[in-house]
Amino acid sequence: MKELLRTTDVVRLSWVTALLADAGIDAVVFDTHTSILEGSIGAIPRRLMVADADEAEARRVLREAGEEVPE
């Protein structure tokens, strides 16, 4: 799996996940439970992951939607 982005912004995470789903790309959010354990104060970023084969297409979809995606 490849990491597309890391954020504490759950709204952005939801938006990006929906964009990918609309493009037929499955995404998985890592570190959700860790964030909950620390009290859900948003101190621990959550990681958005996609399959290796979907990485290039996922980055393209996000860039076209105006999202900044680190390399």
C-alpha atoms as a PDB file:
ATOM      1  CA  MET A   1       0.000   0.000   0.000  1.00  0.00           C
ATOM      2  CA  LYS A   2       1.087   3.573  -0.676  1.00  0.00           C
ATOM      3  CA  GLU A   3       0.427   6.635   1.452  1.00  0.00           C
ATOM      4  CA  LEU A   4      -1.270   9.469  -0.438  1.00  0.00           C
ATOM      5  CA  LEU A   5      -1.553  11.945   2.373  1.00  0.00           C
ATOM      6  CA  ARG A   6      -1.390  12.416   6.115  1.00  0.00           C
ATOM      7  CA  THR A   7      -3.762  14.801   7.853  1.00  0.00           C
ATOM      8  CA  THR A   8      -5.570  15.619  11.075  1.00  0.00           C
ATOM      9  CA  ASP A   9      -8.424  17.190   9.076  1.00  0.00           C
ATOM     10  CA  VAL A  10     -11.212  14.587   9.140  1.00  0.00           C
ATOM     11  CA  VAL A  11     -13.357  16.636   6.761  1.00  0.00           C
ATOM     12  CA  ARG A  12     -10.596  16.690   4.133  1.00  0.00           C
ATOM     13  CA  LEU A  13     -10.003  12.992   4.689  1.00  0.00           C
ATOM     14  CA  SER A  14     -13.682  12.258   4.100  1.00  0.00           C
ATOM     15  CA  TRP A  15     -13.721  14.460   0.973  1.00  0.00           C
ATOM     16  CA  VAL A  16     -10.624  12.823  -0.520  1.00  0.00           C
ATOM     17  CA  THR A  17     -11.910   9.332   0.256  1.00  0.00           C
ATOM     18  CA  ALA A  18     -15.190  10.179  -1.513  1.00  0.00           C
ATOM     19  CA  LEU A  19     -13.310  11.522  -4.553  1.00  0.00           C
ATOM     20  CA  LEU A  20     -11.349   8.315  -4.823  1.00  0.00           C
ATOM     21  CA  ALA A  21     -14.437   6.155  -4.356  1.00  0.00           C
ATOM     22  CA  ASP A  22     -16.171   8.033  -7.180  1.00  0.00           C
ATOM     23  CA  ALA A  23     -13.184   7.186  -9.383  1.00  0.00           C
ATOM     24  CA  GLY A  24     -13.450   3.503  -8.419  1.00  0.00           C
ATOM     25  CA  ILE A  25     -10.346   3.559  -6.219  1.00  0.00           C
ATOM     26  CA  ASP A  26     -10.479   1.855  -2.833  1.00  0.00           C
ATOM     27  CA  ALA A  27      -8.783   3.797  -0.050  1.00  0.00           C
ATOM     28  CA  VAL A  28      -8.041   2.799   3.526  1.00  0.00           C
ATOM     29  CA  VAL A  29      -7.528   5.193   6.440  1.00  0.00           C
ATOM     30  CA  PHE A  30      -4.764   4.147   8.822  1.00  0.00           C
ATOM     31  CA  ASP A  31      -4.301   5.379  12.407  1.00  0.00           C
ATOM     32  CA  THR A  32      -7.989   6.064  13.073  1.00  0.00           C
ATOM     33  CA  HIS A  33      -7.963   3.952  16.237  1.00  0.00           C
ATOM     34  CA  THR A  34      -4.734   5.530  17.455  1.00  0.00           C
ATOM     35  CA  SER A  35      -6.314   8.940  17.043  1.00  0.00           C
ATOM     36  CA  ILE A  36      -9.340   7.812  19.064  1.00  0.00           C
ATOM     37  CA  LEU A  37      -7.128   6.412  21.825  1.00  0.00           C
ATOM     38  CA  GLU A  38      -5.416   9.767  22.285  1.00  0.00           C
ATOM     39  CA  GLY A  39      -8.771  11.360  22.963  1.00  0.00           C
ATOM     40  CA  SER A  40      -9.763  12.421  19.438  1.00  0.00           C
ATOM     41  CA  ILE A  41      -8.110  15.799  19.885  1.00  0.00           C
ATOM     42  CA  GLY A  42      -6.598  15.523  16.417  1.00  0.00           C
ATOM     43  CA  ALA A  43      -2.951  15.419  17.451  1.00  0.00           C
ATOM     44  CA  ILE A  44      -2.142  12.234  15.549  1.00  0.00           C
ATOM     45  CA  PRO A  45      -2.484  12.470  11.769  1.00  0.00           C
ATOM     46  CA  ARG A  46      -4.402   9.801   9.916  1.00  0.00           C
ATOM     47  CA  ARG A  47      -2.914   8.306   6.758  1.00  0.00           C
ATOM     48  CA  LEU A  48      -4.833   7.712   3.545  1.00  0.00           C
ATOM     49  CA  MET A  49      -3.558   4.614   1.777  1.00  0.00           C
ATOM     50  CA  VAL A  50      -4.269   3.051  -1.626  1.00  0.00           C
ATOM     51  CA  ALA A  51      -3.084  -0.108  -3.351  1.00  0.00           C
ATOM     52  CA  ASP A  52       0.264   0.178  -5.129  1.00  0.00           C
ATOM     53  CA  ALA A  53      -1.423  -0.322  -8.505  1.00  0.00           C
ATOM     54  CA  ASP A  54      -3.862   2.564  -7.853  1.00  0.00           C
ATOM     55  CA  GLU A  55      -1.326   5.133  -6.659  1.00  0.00           C
ATOM     56  CA  ALA A  56      -0.708   7.011  -9.938  1.00  0.00           C
ATOM     57  CA  GLU A  57      -4.412   7.210 -10.800  1.00  0.00           C
ATOM     58  CA  ALA A  58      -5.321   8.266  -7.258  1.00  0.00           C
ATOM     59  CA  ARG A  59      -2.757  11.077  -7.315  1.00  0.00           C
ATOM     60  CA  ARG A  60      -4.092  12.241 -10.695  1.00  0.00           C
ATOM     61  CA  VAL A  61      -7.691  12.270  -9.428  1.00  0.00           C
ATOM     62  CA  LEU A  62      -6.755  14.274  -6.344  1.00  0.00           C
ATOM     63  CA  ARG A  63      -4.647  16.801  -8.265  1.00  0.00           C
ATOM     64  CA  GLU A  64      -7.442  17.364 -10.780  1.00  0.00           C
ATOM     65  CA  ALA A  65      -9.761  18.106  -7.830  1.00  0.00           C
ATOM     66  CA  GLY A  66      -7.323  20.739  -6.567  1.00  0.00           C
ATOM     67  CA  GLU A  67      -5.903  18.716  -3.698  1.00  0.00           C
ATOM     68  CA  GLU A  68      -2.240  19.050  -2.785  1.00  0.00           C
ATOM     69  CA  VAL A  69      -0.734  15.583  -2.761  1.00  0.00           C
ATOM     70  CA  PRO A  70       2.866  15.181  -1.562  1.00  0.00           C
ATOM     71  CA  GLU A  71       5.128  12.961  -3.638  1.00  0.00           C
END
